[in-house]
Amino acid sequence: FPAGICAERNLLFHHQATAPDDSILTLAIASD
């Protein structure tokens, strides 16, 4: 710790790396 990553940043950084020109319209967050 704190080397982990939150779900939102995991998703957003992956998006920037793979599809930065495909805008995000909606972001949903859920948990267990």
All heavy atoms as atom14 arrays in JSON, in Angstrom:
{
  "sequence": "FPAGICAERNLLFHHQATAPDDSILTLAIASD",
  "atom14_mask": [
    [1, 1, 1, 1, 1, 1, 1, 1, 1, 1, 1, 0, 0, 0],
    [1, 1, 1, 1, 1, 1, 1, 0, 0, 0, 0, 0, 0, 0],
    [1, 1, 1, 1, 1, 0, 0, 0, 0, 0, 0, 0, 0, 0],
    [1, 1, 1, 1, 0, 0, 0, 0, 0, 0, 0, 0, 0, 0],
    [1, 1, 1, 1, 1, 1, 1, 1, 0, 0, 0, 0, 0, 0],
    [1, 1, 1, 1, 1, 1, 0, 0, 0, 0, 0, 0, 0, 0],
    [1, 1, 1, 1, 1, 0, 0, 0, 0, 0, 0, 0, 0, 0],
    [1, 1, 1, 1, 1, 1, 1, 1, 1, 0, 0, 0, 0, 0],
    [1, 1, 1, 1, 1, 1, 1, 1, 1, 1, 1, 0, 0, 0],
    [1, 1, 1, 1, 1, 1, 1, 1, 0, 0, 0, 0, 0, 0],
    [1, 1, 1, 1, 1, 1, 1, 1, 0, 0, 0, 0, 0, 0],
    [1, 1, 1, 1, 1, 1, 1, 1, 0, 0, 0, 0, 0, 0],
    [1, 1, 1, 1, 1, 1, 1, 1, 1, 1, 1, 0, 0, 0],
    [1, 1, 1, 1, 1, 1, 1, 1, 1, 1, 0, 0, 0, 0],
    [1, 1, 1, 1, 1, 1, 1, 1, 1, 1, 0, 0, 0, 0],
    [1, 1, 1, 1, 1, 1, 1, 1, 1, 0, 0, 0, 0, 0],
    [1, 1, 1, 1, 1, 0, 0, 0, 0, 0, 0, 0, 0, 0],
    [1, 1, 1, 1, 1, 1, 1, 0, 0, 0, 0, 0, 0, 0],
    [1, 1, 1, 1, 1, 0, 0, 0, 0, 0, 0, 0, 0, 0],
    [1, 1, 1, 1, 1, 1, 1, 0, 0, 0, 0, 0, 0, 0],
    [1, 1, 1, 1, 1, 1, 1, 1, 0, 0, 0, 0, 0, 0],
    [1, 1, 1, 1, 1, 1, 1, 1, 0, 0, 0, 0, 0, 0],
    [1, 1, 1, 1, 1, 1, 0, 0, 0, 0, 0, 0, 0, 0],
    [1, 1, 1, 1, 1, 1, 1, 1, 0, 0, 0, 0, 0, 0],
    [1, 1, 1, 1, 1, 1, 1, 1, 0, 0, 0, 0, 0, 0],
    [1, 1, 1, 1, 1, 1, 1, 0, 0, 0, 0, 0, 0, 0],
    [1, 1, 1, 1, 1, 1, 1, 1, 0, 0, 0, 0, 0, 0],
    [1, 1, 1, 1, 1, 0, 0, 0, 0, 0, 0, 0, 0, 0],
    [1, 1, 1, 1, 1, 1, 1, 1, 0, 0, 0, 0, 0, 0],
    [1, 1, 1, 1, 1, 0, 0, 0, 0, 0, 0, 0, 0, 0],
    [1, 1, 1, 1, 1, 1, 0, 0, 0, 0, 0, 0, 0, 0],
    [1, 1, 1, 1, 1, 1, 1, 1, 0, 0, 0, 0, 0, 0]
  ],
  "atom14_positions": [
    [[0.85, -1.18, 0.0], [0.0, 0.0, 0.0], [0.89, 1.23, 0.0], [1.88, 1.25, 0.72], [-0.9, -0.02, 1.25], [-1.82, 1.15, 1.32], [-3.01, 1.15, 0.63], [-1.49, 2.25, 2.07], [-3.86, 2.24, 0.68], [-2.34, 3.34, 2.14], [-3.52, 3.33, 1.44], [0.0, 0.0, 0.0], [0.0, 0.0, 0.0], [0.0, 0.0, 0.0]],
    [[0.65, 2.22, -0.78], [-0.51, 2.54, -1.59], [-0.34, 2.22, -3.08], [-0.8, 2.99, -3.92], [-0.68, 4.02, -1.38], [0.74, 4.52, -1.32], [1.51, 3.42, -0.64], [0.0, 0.0, 0.0], [0.0, 0.0, 0.0], [0.0, 0.0, 0.0], [0.0, 0.0, 0.0], [0.0, 0.0, 0.0], [0.0, 0.0, 0.0], [0.0, 0.0, 0.0]],
    [[0.29, 1.14, -3.42], [0.57, 0.83, -4.82], [-0.66, 0.42, -5.62], [-0.58, 0.3, -6.83], [1.63, -0.28, -4.91], [0.0, 0.0, 0.0], [0.0, 0.0, 0.0], [0.0, 0.0, 0.0], [0.0, 0.0, 0.0], [0.0, 0.0, 0.0], [0.0, 0.0, 0.0], [0.0, 0.0, 0.0], [0.0, 0.0, 0.0], [0.0, 0.0, 0.0]],
    [[-1.79, 0.21, -4.99], [-3.0, -0.15, -5.71], [-3.58, 1.03, -6.47], [-3.05, 2.14, -6.45], [0.0, 0.0, 0.0], [0.0, 0.0, 0.0], [0.0, 0.0, 0.0], [0.0, 0.0, 0.0], [0.0, 0.0, 0.0], [0.0, 0.0, 0.0], [0.0, 0.0, 0.0], [0.0, 0.0, 0.0], [0.0, 0.0, 0.0], [0.0, 0.0, 0.0]],
    [[-4.69, 0.77, -7.15], [-5.34, 1.83, -7.93], [-6.85, 1.68, -7.84], [-7.38, 0.57, -7.81], [-4.87, 1.82, -9.4], [-5.36, 3.06, -10.15], [-5.27, 0.54, -10.1], [-4.67, 3.29, -11.48], [0.0, 0.0, 0.0], [0.0, 0.0, 0.0], [0.0, 0.0, 0.0], [0.0, 0.0, 0.0], [0.0, 0.0, 0.0], [0.0, 0.0, 0.0]],
    [[-7.53, 2.8, -7.79], [-8.99, 2.82, -7.76], [-9.55, 2.42, -9.12], [-8.9, 2.57, -10.15], [-9.5, 4.21, -7.4], [-9.06, 4.79, -5.76], [0.0, 0.0, 0.0], [0.0, 0.0, 0.0], [0.0, 0.0, 0.0], [0.0, 0.0, 0.0], [0.0, 0.0, 0.0], [0.0, 0.0, 0.0], [0.0, 0.0, 0.0], [0.0, 0.0, 0.0]],
    [[-10.79, 1.96, -9.12], [-11.46, 1.54, -10.35], [-11.56, 2.68, -11.37], [-11.31, 2.48, -12.56], [-12.86, 1.01, -10.03], [0.0, 0.0, 0.0], [0.0, 0.0, 0.0], [0.0, 0.0, 0.0], [0.0, 0.0, 0.0], [0.0, 0.0, 0.0], [0.0, 0.0, 0.0], [0.0, 0.0, 0.0], [0.0, 0.0, 0.0], [0.0, 0.0, 0.0]],
    [[-11.9, 3.87, -10.89], [-12.09, 4.98, -11.8], [-10.79, 5.34, -12.52], [-10.76, 5.54, -13.73], [-12.62, 6.22, -11.05], [-13.92, 5.99, -10.35], [-13.79, 5.52, -8.91], [-12.74, 4.93, -8.55], [-14.72, 5.74, -8.14], [0.0, 0.0, 0.0], [0.0, 0.0, 0.0], [0.0, 0.0, 0.0], [0.0, 0.0, 0.0], [0.0, 0.0, 0.0]],
    [[-9.69, 5.43, -11.76], [-8.42, 5.78, -12.38], [-7.91, 4.65, -13.27], [-7.34, 4.91, -14.33], [-7.38, 6.15, -11.33], [-7.65, 7.55, -10.79], [-6.64, 7.97, -9.76], [-6.92, 7.26, -8.52], [-6.0, 6.77, -7.71], [-4.72, 6.88, -7.98], [-6.35, 6.16, -6.6], [0.0, 0.0, 0.0], [0.0, 0.0, 0.0], [0.0, 0.0, 0.0]],
    [[-8.13, 3.41, -12.87], [-7.77, 2.27, -13.72], [-8.44, 2.44, -15.08], [-7.8, 2.35, -16.12], [-8.19, 0.98, -13.02], [-7.82, -0.27, -13.76], [-7.54, -0.28, -14.95], [-7.81, -1.38, -13.04], [0.0, 0.0, 0.0], [0.0, 0.0, 0.0], [0.0, 0.0, 0.0], [0.0, 0.0, 0.0], [0.0, 0.0, 0.0], [0.0, 0.0, 0.0]],
    [[-9.72, 2.69, -15.06], [-10.5, 2.87, -16.29], [-10.04, 4.1, -17.08], [-9.79, 4.03, -18.28], [-11.99, 3.0, -15.95], [-12.91, 3.51, -17.05], [-12.9, 2.57, -18.25], [-14.32, 3.68, -16.52], [0.0, 0.0, 0.0], [0.0, 0.0, 0.0], [0.0, 0.0, 0.0], [0.0, 0.0, 0.0], [0.0, 0.0, 0.0], [0.0, 0.0, 0.0]],
    [[-9.91, 5.24, -16.41], [-9.59, 6.48, -17.11], [-8.19, 6.46, -17.72], [-7.99, 6.96, -18.83], [-9.76, 7.67, -16.17], [-11.21, 7.91, -15.71], [-11.25, 8.92, -14.58], [-12.08, 8.34, -16.87], [0.0, 0.0, 0.0], [0.0, 0.0, 0.0], [0.0, 0.0, 0.0], [0.0, 0.0, 0.0], [0.0, 0.0, 0.0], [0.0, 0.0, 0.0]],
    [[-7.22, 5.88, -17.03], [-5.87, 5.8, -17.59], [-5.83, 4.83, -18.76], [-5.15, 5.06, -19.75], [-4.86, 5.41, -16.52], [-4.68, 6.45, -15.43], [-4.3, 6.07, -14.16], [-4.9, 7.8, -15.67], [-4.12, 7.01, -13.15], [-4.73, 8.75, -14.67], [-4.34, 8.35, -13.4], [0.0, 0.0, 0.0], [0.0, 0.0, 0.0], [0.0, 0.0, 0.0]],
    [[-6.58, 3.73, -18.66], [-6.66, 2.78, -19.78], [-7.32, 3.46, -20.98], [-6.88, 3.29, -22.12], [-7.42, 1.52, -19.37], [-7.56, 0.52, -20.46], [-6.49, -0.18, -20.97], [-8.64, 0.13, -21.18], [-6.91, -0.97, -21.94], [-8.21, -0.8, -22.09], [0.0, 0.0, 0.0], [0.0, 0.0, 0.0], [0.0, 0.0, 0.0], [0.0, 0.0, 0.0]],
    [[-8.37, 4.21, -20.72], [-9.04, 4.95, -21.8], [-8.07, 5.89, -22.48], [-8.0, 5.95, -23.72], [-10.25, 5.72, -21.24], [-10.83, 6.69, -22.21], [-10.51, 8.03, -22.21], [-11.7, 6.51, -23.23], [-11.16, 8.64, -23.18], [-11.89, 7.74, -23.82], [0.0, 0.0, 0.0], [0.0, 0.0, 0.0], [0.0, 0.0, 0.0], [0.0, 0.0, 0.0]],
    [[-7.32, 6.65, -21.71], [-6.36, 7.6, -22.29], [-5.31, 6.88, -23.12], [-4.88, 7.37, -24.16], [-5.69, 8.44, -21.19], [-4.71, 9.47, -21.7], [-5.35, 10.52, -22.58], [-6.48, 10.93, -22.36], [-4.61, 10.99, -23.58], [0.0, 0.0, 0.0], [0.0, 0.0, 0.0], [0.0, 0.0, 0.0], [0.0, 0.0, 0.0], [0.0, 0.0, 0.0]],
    [[-4.91, 5.69, -22.69], [-3.87, 4.94, -23.4], [-4.39, 4.28, -24.67], [-3.63, 4.09, -25.62], [-3.28, 3.88, -22.48], [0.0, 0.0, 0.0], [0.0, 0.0, 0.0], [0.0, 0.0, 0.0], [0.0, 0.0, 0.0], [0.0, 0.0, 0.0], [0.0, 0.0, 0.0], [0.0, 0.0, 0.0], [0.0, 0.0, 0.0], [0.0, 0.0, 0.0]],
    [[-5.68, 3.94, -24.71], [-6.18, 3.14, -25.82], [-7.22, 3.82, -26.7], [-7.38, 3.42, -27.86], [-6.79, 1.81, -25.31], [-7.88, 2.12, -24.44], [-5.74, 0.98, -24.58], [0.0, 0.0, 0.0], [0.0, 0.0, 0.0], [0.0, 0.0, 0.0], [0.0, 0.0, 0.0], [0.0, 0.0, 0.0], [0.0, 0.0, 0.0], [0.0, 0.0, 0.0]],
    [[-7.94, 4.8, -26.18], [-9.01, 5.42, -26.98], [-9.21, 6.89, -26.63], [-10.33, 7.34, -26.41], [-10.31, 4.65, -26.76], [0.0, 0.0, 0.0], [0.0, 0.0, 0.0], [0.0, 0.0, 0.0], [0.0, 0.0, 0.0], [0.0, 0.0, 0.0], [0.0, 0.0, 0.0], [0.0, 0.0, 0.0], [0.0, 0.0, 0.0], [0.0, 0.0, 0.0]],
    [[-8.14, 7.68, -26.6], [-8.27, 9.07, -26.13], [-9.16, 9.95, -27.0], [-9.67, 10.97, -26.53], [-6.82, 9.57, -26.13], [-6.14, 8.73, -27.15], [-6.78, 7.37, -27.04], [0.0, 0.0, 0.0], [0.0, 0.0, 0.0], [0.0, 0.0, 0.0], [0.0, 0.0, 0.0], [0.0, 0.0, 0.0], [0.0, 0.0, 0.0], [0.0, 0.0, 0.0]],
    [[-9.37, 9.57, -28.25], [-10.21, 10.38, -29.13], [-11.68, 9.98, -29.11], [-12.49, 10.57, -29.81], [-9.67, 10.32, -30.57], [-8.28, 10.91, -30.68], [-7.99, 11.88, -29.94], [-7.48, 10.41, -31.48], [0.0, 0.0, 0.0], [0.0, 0.0, 0.0], [0.0, 0.0, 0.0], [0.0, 0.0, 0.0], [0.0, 0.0, 0.0], [0.0, 0.0, 0.0]],
    [[-12.01, 8.97, -28.31], [-13.39, 8.49, -28.17], [-13.9, 8.99, -26.82], [-13.71, 8.35, -25.79], [-13.41, 6.96, -28.27], [-14.8, 6.39, -28.51], [-15.76, 7.18, -28.58], [-14.9, 5.16, -28.62], [0.0, 0.0, 0.0], [0.0, 0.0, 0.0], [0.0, 0.0, 0.0], [0.0, 0.0, 0.0], [0.0, 0.0, 0.0], [0.0, 0.0, 0.0]],
    [[-14.53, 10.15, -26.81], [-14.92, 10.83, -25.56], [-15.79, 9.97, -24.67], [-16.64, 9.21, -25.13], [-15.68, 12.12, -25.88], [-14.85, 13.04, -26.54], [0.0, 0.0, 0.0], [0.0, 0.0, 0.0], [0.0, 0.0, 0.0], [0.0, 0.0, 0.0], [0.0, 0.0, 0.0], [0.0, 0.0, 0.0], [0.0, 0.0, 0.0], [0.0, 0.0, 0.0]],
    [[-15.59, 10.16, -23.37], [-16.44, 9.51, -22.37], [-17.69, 10.36, -22.18], [-17.6, 11.55, -21.88], [-15.69, 9.36, -21.03], [-14.49, 8.42, -21.2], [-16.64, 8.85, -19.94], [-13.6, 8.33, -19.97], [0.0, 0.0, 0.0], [0.0, 0.0, 0.0], [0.0, 0.0, 0.0], [0.0, 0.0, 0.0], [0.0, 0.0, 0.0], [0.0, 0.0, 0.0]],
    [[-18.85, 9.73, -22.35], [-20.11, 10.42, -22.14], [-20.61, 10.22, -20.71], [-21.07, 11.16, -20.06], [-21.16, 9.92, -23.12], [-20.83, 10.05, -24.6], [-21.95, 9.48, -25.45], [-20.54, 11.49, -24.97], [0.0, 0.0, 0.0], [0.0, 0.0, 0.0], [0.0, 0.0, 0.0], [0.0, 0.0, 0.0], [0.0, 0.0, 0.0], [0.0, 0.0, 0.0]],
    [[-20.56, 8.96, -20.25], [-21.09, 8.61, -18.93], [-20.12, 7.68, -18.23], [-19.58, 6.76, -18.84], [-22.46, 7.91, -19.07], [-23.36, 8.78, -19.76], [-23.05, 7.57, -17.71], [0.0, 0.0, 0.0], [0.0, 0.0, 0.0], [0.0, 0.0, 0.0], [0.0, 0.0, 0.0], [0.0, 0.0, 0.0], [0.0, 0.0, 0.0], [0.0, 0.0, 0.0]],
    [[-19.92, 7.9, -16.94], [-19.09, 7.05, -16.1], [-19.95, 6.55, -14.95], [-20.56, 7.35, -14.24], [-17.91, 7.86, -15.56], [-17.02, 7.2, -14.51], [-16.24, 6.05, -15.13], [-16.06, 8.22, -13.91], [0.0, 0.0, 0.0], [0.0, 0.0, 0.0], [0.0, 0.0, 0.0], [0.0, 0.0, 0.0], [0.0, 0.0, 0.0], [0.0, 0.0, 0.0]],
    [[-20.03, 5.23, -14.79], [-20.8, 4.64, -13.68], [-19.84, 3.98, -12.71], [-18.86, 3.36, -13.12], [-21.79, 3.61, -14.22], [0.0, 0.0, 0.0], [0.0, 0.0, 0.0], [0.0, 0.0, 0.0], [0.0, 0.0, 0.0], [0.0, 0.0, 0.0], [0.0, 0.0, 0.0], [0.0, 0.0, 0.0], [0.0, 0.0, 0.0], [0.0, 0.0, 0.0]],
    [[-20.16, 4.09, -11.41], [-19.32, 3.53, -10.35], [-20.2, 2.69, -9.44], [-21.27, 3.14, -9.01], [-18.64, 4.65, -9.53], [-17.93, 5.64, -10.46], [-17.68, 4.06, -8.51], [-17.63, 6.97, -9.8], [0.0, 0.0, 0.0], [0.0, 0.0, 0.0], [0.0, 0.0, 0.0], [0.0, 0.0, 0.0], [0.0, 0.0, 0.0], [0.0, 0.0, 0.0]],
    [[-19.75, 1.45, -9.17], [-20.51, 0.53, -8.32], [-19.53, -0.2, -7.39], [-18.33, -0.23, -7.65], [-21.26, -0.48, -9.19], [0.0, 0.0, 0.0], [0.0, 0.0, 0.0], [0.0, 0.0, 0.0], [0.0, 0.0, 0.0], [0.0, 0.0, 0.0], [0.0, 0.0, 0.0], [0.0, 0.0, 0.0], [0.0, 0.0, 0.0], [0.0, 0.0, 0.0]],
    [[-20.06, -0.81, -6.34], [-19.18, -1.49, -5.39], [-19.83, -2.71, -4.75], [-21.02, -2.93, -4.86], [-18.77, -0.51, -4.28], [-19.9, -0.17, -3.49], [0.0, 0.0, 0.0], [0.0, 0.0, 0.0], [0.0, 0.0, 0.0], [0.0, 0.0, 0.0], [0.0, 0.0, 0.0], [0.0, 0.0, 0.0], [0.0, 0.0, 0.0], [0.0, 0.0, 0.0]],
    [[-18.99, -3.48, -4.1], [-19.41, -4.6, -3.25], [-18.55, -4.54, -2.0], [-17.33, -4.69, -2.12], [-19.23, -5.93, -3.97], [-19.64, -7.12, -3.1], [-20.42, -6.92, -2.15], [-19.15, -8.22, -3.37], [0.0, 0.0, 0.0], [0.0, 0.0, 0.0], [0.0, 0.0, 0.0], [0.0, 0.0, 0.0], [0.0, 0.0, 0.0], [0.0, 0.0, 0.0]]
  ]
}
